[in-house]
Amino acid sequence: PIVAGSMTGTVRDGSQITIASFSVAGDGTFTFTPVGSPAQIPTGGSLDLDTGEIRLTWDSAPGPNDVRITYQHNEPDVTDLVYKYPGFADFNVPV
């Protein structure tokens, strides 16, 4: 599971341009900071600490995008996790 309050990340548009950065509080509340003047921005999100599922809400239909995250986890055997899920901290999220 993900350690509460440890997640930060960025959201990129379909052109791979960063449109927002974010942090997630211990209660799962997302705080977004727009980068530049993107046409669409995330306005909220939710995080399931057990599964790692992230859901974002947007001010309008976002089009293609991806989310890059950094977090701490409390898995007992990190070597096993990396072996099973290479690149586990770098997810592309299809729309």
Protein backbone atom coordinates (compact mmCIF):
# COMPACT_ATOMS: atom_id res chain seq x y z
CA PRO A 1 0.00 0.00 0.00
CA ILE A 2 0.94 3.64 -0.53
CA VAL A 3 2.06 5.59 2.53
CA ALA A 4 -0.54 8.29 3.23
CA GLY A 5 0.68 11.80 2.40
CA SER A 6 3.69 10.66 0.36
CA MET A 7 2.39 11.05 -3.20
CA THR A 8 3.32 13.91 -5.52
CA GLY A 9 3.22 14.08 -9.29
CA THR A 10 2.57 15.81 -12.56
CA VAL A 11 -0.14 15.64 -15.20
CA ARG A 12 0.83 15.93 -18.86
CA ASP A 13 -1.34 16.49 -21.91
CA GLY A 14 -1.28 14.42 -25.09
CA SER A 15 1.71 16.45 -26.34
CA GLN A 16 3.64 15.43 -23.20
CA ILE A 17 3.57 19.01 -21.88
CA THR A 18 3.21 19.28 -18.10
CA ILE A 19 -0.08 21.05 -17.36
CA ALA A 20 -0.23 20.64 -13.56
CA SER A 21 1.68 19.41 -10.56
CA PHE A 22 0.00 17.94 -7.52
CA SER A 23 0.42 16.60 -4.02
CA VAL A 24 -1.87 14.29 -2.09
CA ALA A 25 -2.52 14.84 1.62
CA GLY A 26 -2.73 12.02 4.13
CA ASP A 27 -6.53 11.97 3.82
CA GLY A 28 -6.29 11.51 0.03
CA THR A 29 -7.10 15.13 -0.86
CA PHE A 30 -5.38 16.31 -4.05
CA THR A 31 -3.96 19.82 -4.38
CA PHE A 32 -3.24 20.89 -7.97
CA THR A 33 -1.03 23.72 -9.22
CA PRO A 34 -1.53 24.59 -12.91
CA VAL A 35 1.63 24.94 -15.01
CA GLY A 36 1.32 27.64 -17.63
CA SER A 37 -2.17 28.25 -19.04
CA PRO A 38 -3.48 24.83 -20.04
CA ALA A 39 -6.82 24.52 -21.83
CA GLN A 40 -8.01 21.90 -19.31
CA ILE A 41 -6.89 21.33 -15.75
CA PRO A 42 -7.61 18.71 -13.12
CA THR A 43 -9.80 20.11 -10.35
CA GLY A 44 -9.86 17.18 -7.96
CA GLY A 45 -8.87 13.61 -7.46
CA SER A 46 -9.10 10.55 -5.29
CA LEU A 47 -6.55 7.95 -4.27
CA ASP A 48 -7.15 4.44 -2.97
CA LEU A 49 -4.17 3.86 -0.64
CA ASP A 50 -4.59 0.09 -0.79
CA THR A 51 -4.77 -0.39 -4.58
CA GLY A 52 -3.03 2.79 -5.77
CA GLU A 53 -5.96 3.65 -8.06
CA ILE A 54 -6.06 7.35 -8.94
CA ARG A 55 -9.14 9.10 -10.31
CA LEU A 56 -8.99 12.70 -11.52
CA THR A 57 -11.83 15.14 -12.15
CA TRP A 58 -11.38 17.90 -14.73
CA ASP A 59 -12.85 21.31 -15.49
CA SER A 60 -13.70 20.02 -19.00
CA ALA A 61 -13.02 16.92 -21.12
CA PRO A 62 -9.23 16.46 -20.88
CA GLY A 63 -8.35 14.51 -24.01
CA PRO A 64 -5.23 12.32 -23.96
CA ASN A 65 -3.11 12.74 -20.82
CA ASP A 66 -0.86 10.88 -18.45
CA VAL A 67 0.05 11.08 -14.80
CA ARG A 68 3.58 10.73 -13.40
CA ILE A 69 3.79 9.98 -9.69
CA THR A 70 6.29 9.60 -6.89
CA TYR A 71 5.33 7.93 -3.63
CA GLN A 72 6.50 5.85 -0.71
CA HIS A 73 5.04 2.43 -0.08
CA ASN A 74 5.14 -0.01 2.79
CA GLU A 75 5.59 -3.25 0.89
CA PRO A 76 7.61 -5.79 2.87
CA ASP A 77 9.81 -6.80 -0.09
CA VAL A 78 10.60 -4.01 -2.56
CA THR A 79 12.79 -6.31 -4.67
CA ASP A 80 9.83 -8.59 -5.32
CA LEU A 81 7.60 -5.60 -6.19
CA VAL A 82 10.09 -4.23 -8.71
CA TYR A 83 10.55 -7.67 -10.23
CA LYS A 84 6.82 -8.18 -10.69
CA TYR A 85 6.02 -4.62 -11.78
CA PRO A 86 9.02 -3.00 -13.50
CA GLY A 87 8.55 0.76 -13.81
CA PHE A 88 5.87 0.68 -11.12
CA ALA A 89 6.29 4.36 -10.24
CA ASP A 90 5.74 5.67 -13.77
CA PHE A 91 2.18 5.10 -15.00
CA ASN A 92 0.54 6.19 -18.22
CA VAL A 93 -3.18 6.64 -17.66
CA PRO A 94 -5.34 6.36 -20.79
CA VAL A 95 -8.51 8.44 -20.98
